[in-house]
Protein backbone atom coordinates (compact mmCIF):
# COMPACT_ATOMS: atom_id res chain seq x y z
CA UNK A 1 -74.14 -1.85 81.40
CA UNK A 2 -72.78 -5.59 81.02
CA UNK A 3 -76.39 -6.41 79.68
CA UNK A 4 -76.18 -3.25 76.84
CA UNK A 5 -72.51 -4.07 75.89
CA UNK A 6 -73.49 -7.85 75.12
CA UNK A 7 -76.44 -6.90 73.05
CA UNK A 8 -74.44 -4.50 71.09
CA UNK A 9 -71.81 -6.89 71.04
CA UNK A 10 -74.35 -9.61 69.43
CA UNK A 11 -75.90 -6.57 66.69
CA UNK A 12 -72.21 -6.39 65.52
CA UNK A 13 -71.91 -10.28 64.99
CA UNK A 14 -74.99 -10.59 63.56
CA UNK A 15 -74.53 -7.61 61.31
CA UNK A 16 -71.06 -8.92 60.06
CA UNK A 17 -72.07 -12.04 59.49
CA UNK A 18 -74.82 -10.51 57.52
CA UNK A 19 -71.96 -8.26 55.77
CA UNK A 20 -70.00 -11.77 55.71
CA UNK A 21 -72.99 -13.37 54.32
CA UNK A 22 -73.72 -11.22 51.54
CA UNK A 23 -70.39 -10.65 50.42
CA UNK A 24 -70.45 -15.43 49.84
CA UNK A 25 -73.82 -14.81 48.74
CA UNK A 26 -72.23 -11.79 45.93
CA UNK A 27 -69.85 -14.02 45.04
CA UNK A 28 -71.82 -17.05 44.28
CA UNK A 29 -74.06 -15.04 42.36
CA UNK A 30 -71.83 -13.26 40.42
CA UNK A 31 -70.60 -15.38 37.87
CA UNK A 32 -73.42 -17.06 36.80
CA UNK A 33 -75.12 -13.28 36.51
CA UNK A 34 -71.98 -12.44 34.08
CA UNK A 35 -72.23 -15.58 32.03
CA UNK A 36 -76.34 -14.65 31.25
CA UNK A 37 -75.28 -11.00 30.73
CA UNK A 38 -72.33 -12.43 28.16
CA UNK A 39 -75.16 -15.21 26.80
CA UNK A 40 -77.81 -12.24 26.43
CA UNK A 41 -75.50 -10.05 24.30
CA UNK A 42 -74.80 -13.12 22.10
CA UNK A 43 -78.57 -14.23 21.62
CA UNK A 44 -79.23 -10.25 20.74
CA UNK A 45 -76.20 -10.07 18.24
CA UNK A 46 -77.33 -13.60 16.52
CA UNK A 47 -81.52 -11.65 16.73
CA UNK A 48 -79.46 -8.22 15.05
CA UNK A 49 -78.25 -10.32 12.61
CA UNK A 50 -81.18 -12.58 11.63
CA UNK A 51 -83.39 -9.07 11.13
CA UNK A 52 -80.86 -8.34 8.79
CA UNK A 53 -80.62 -9.99 5.06
CA UNK A 54 -78.10 -12.22 3.98
CA UNK A 55 -77.58 -12.70 0.15
CA UNK A 56 -75.67 -15.98 -1.33
CA UNK A 57 -75.95 -17.87 -4.16
CA UNK A 58 -75.06 -20.91 -6.13
CA UNK A 59 -74.01 -20.29 -9.91
CA UNK A 60 -71.92 -22.00 -12.99
CA UNK A 61 -70.87 -20.98 -16.45
CA UNK A 62 -72.22 -24.30 -17.77
CA UNK A 63 -70.64 -23.71 -20.98
CA UNK A 64 -67.50 -22.22 -19.71
CA UNK A 65 -64.81 -23.91 -22.24
CA UNK A 66 -67.36 -24.38 -25.00
CA UNK A 67 -66.16 -20.88 -26.62
CA UNK A 68 -67.25 -17.25 -27.02
CA UNK A 69 -71.44 -18.10 -25.12
CA UNK A 70 -71.28 -18.11 -21.60
CA UNK A 71 -74.78 -19.36 -19.44
CA UNK A 72 -74.61 -18.36 -15.36
CA UNK A 73 -77.12 -20.04 -14.25
CA UNK A 74 -78.41 -20.91 -10.42
CA UNK A 75 -80.07 -20.25 -7.25
CA UNK A 76 -79.56 -16.93 -5.15
CA UNK A 77 -81.11 -16.84 -1.25
CA UNK A 78 -81.88 -14.03 1.23
CA UNK A 79 -81.85 -16.15 4.22
CA UNK A 80 -81.83 -13.25 6.10
CA UNK A 81 -85.84 -11.98 7.44
CA UNK A 82 -85.10 -8.43 5.92
CA UNK A 83 -85.91 -7.66 2.19
CA UNK A 84 -82.18 -7.37 0.18
CA UNK A 85 -81.76 -4.87 -2.19
CA UNK A 86 -79.28 -3.61 -4.82
CA UNK A 87 -77.89 -6.87 -5.77
CA UNK A 88 -75.10 -7.34 -7.50
CA UNK A 89 -73.38 -10.17 -9.04
CA UNK A 90 -70.17 -9.37 -10.56
CA UNK A 91 -69.22 -12.09 -12.32
CA UNK A 92 -65.71 -12.52 -13.81
CA UNK A 93 -64.23 -15.04 -15.97
CA UNK A 94 -60.28 -16.47 -16.49
CA UNK A 95 -58.26 -17.67 -18.62
CA UNK A 96 -54.44 -19.41 -17.06
CA UNK A 97 -55.11 -17.22 -13.74
CA UNK A 98 -55.81 -13.89 -15.85
CA UNK A 99 -59.20 -12.36 -15.87
CA UNK A 100 -60.05 -11.67 -19.42
CA UNK A 101 -63.86 -10.57 -19.12
CA UNK A 102 -66.38 -9.36 -16.40
CA UNK A 103 -70.20 -8.85 -16.03
CA UNK A 104 -72.08 -7.24 -13.77
CA UNK A 105 -75.52 -8.55 -13.30
CA UNK A 106 -78.45 -6.54 -10.83
CA UNK A 107 -81.12 -8.76 -9.83
CA UNK A 108 -84.46 -6.99 -8.30
CA UNK A 109 -84.75 -7.41 -4.84
CA UNK A 110 -86.08 -10.50 -2.92
CA UNK A 111 -87.31 -10.73 -0.19
CA UNK A 112 -86.42 -12.12 3.71
CA UNK A 113 -86.48 -16.12 3.49
CA UNK A 114 -86.93 -16.27 0.05
CA UNK A 115 -84.90 -17.76 -3.57
CA UNK A 116 -84.83 -16.40 -7.00
CA UNK A 117 -82.93 -18.67 -9.99
CA UNK A 118 -81.41 -16.81 -12.82
CA UNK A 119 -80.25 -17.50 -15.61
CA UNK A 120 -77.70 -15.39 -18.05
CA UNK A 121 -76.29 -15.54 -21.23
CA UNK A 122 -73.64 -13.40 -22.18
CA UNK A 123 -71.32 -13.69 -26.20
CA UNK A 124 -67.77 -12.82 -25.74
CA UNK A 125 -64.34 -14.00 -27.54
CA UNK A 126 -62.48 -16.47 -26.24
CA UNK A 127 -63.00 -19.24 -23.52
CA UNK A 128 -62.70 -19.48 -20.51
CA UNK A 129 -61.15 -22.24 -18.12
CA UNK A 130 -62.73 -20.82 -14.70
CA UNK A 131 -65.54 -18.63 -13.21
CA UNK A 132 -65.57 -16.43 -10.53
CA UNK A 133 -68.40 -14.22 -9.20
CA UNK A 134 -68.93 -11.58 -5.90
CA UNK A 135 -72.15 -10.61 -4.60
CA UNK A 136 -73.11 -7.26 -2.86
CA UNK A 137 -76.38 -6.05 -1.25
CA UNK A 138 -77.73 -3.95 0.82
């Protein structure tokens, strides 16, 4: 019986050691696995953002303080890979901090990773001391 008891004891010790070793190995690799999962999520988010449209513009009114004639010109860029549709620029002119004129500029669709120069002229009473714009798209 001593032999069987010793074999059982050895088997139990081997199994316990294996389980302990597995537990240590699991704990050792769990942190890198979690880091990889986080990195994967971040990369998937970045990829999703790049596959969308992202439109930006750089516009000026080159006749801002010259009186009634205003010329808005600049460049609109789609940094994403998807086509940007329904592009709308809301241009506002201000005098002494108060908005006094607004124009809505519609721009044709812009394919991904492309840019387009734009220019629009307006005539309205009064000169402005500030020009700002917002842009939206779908």
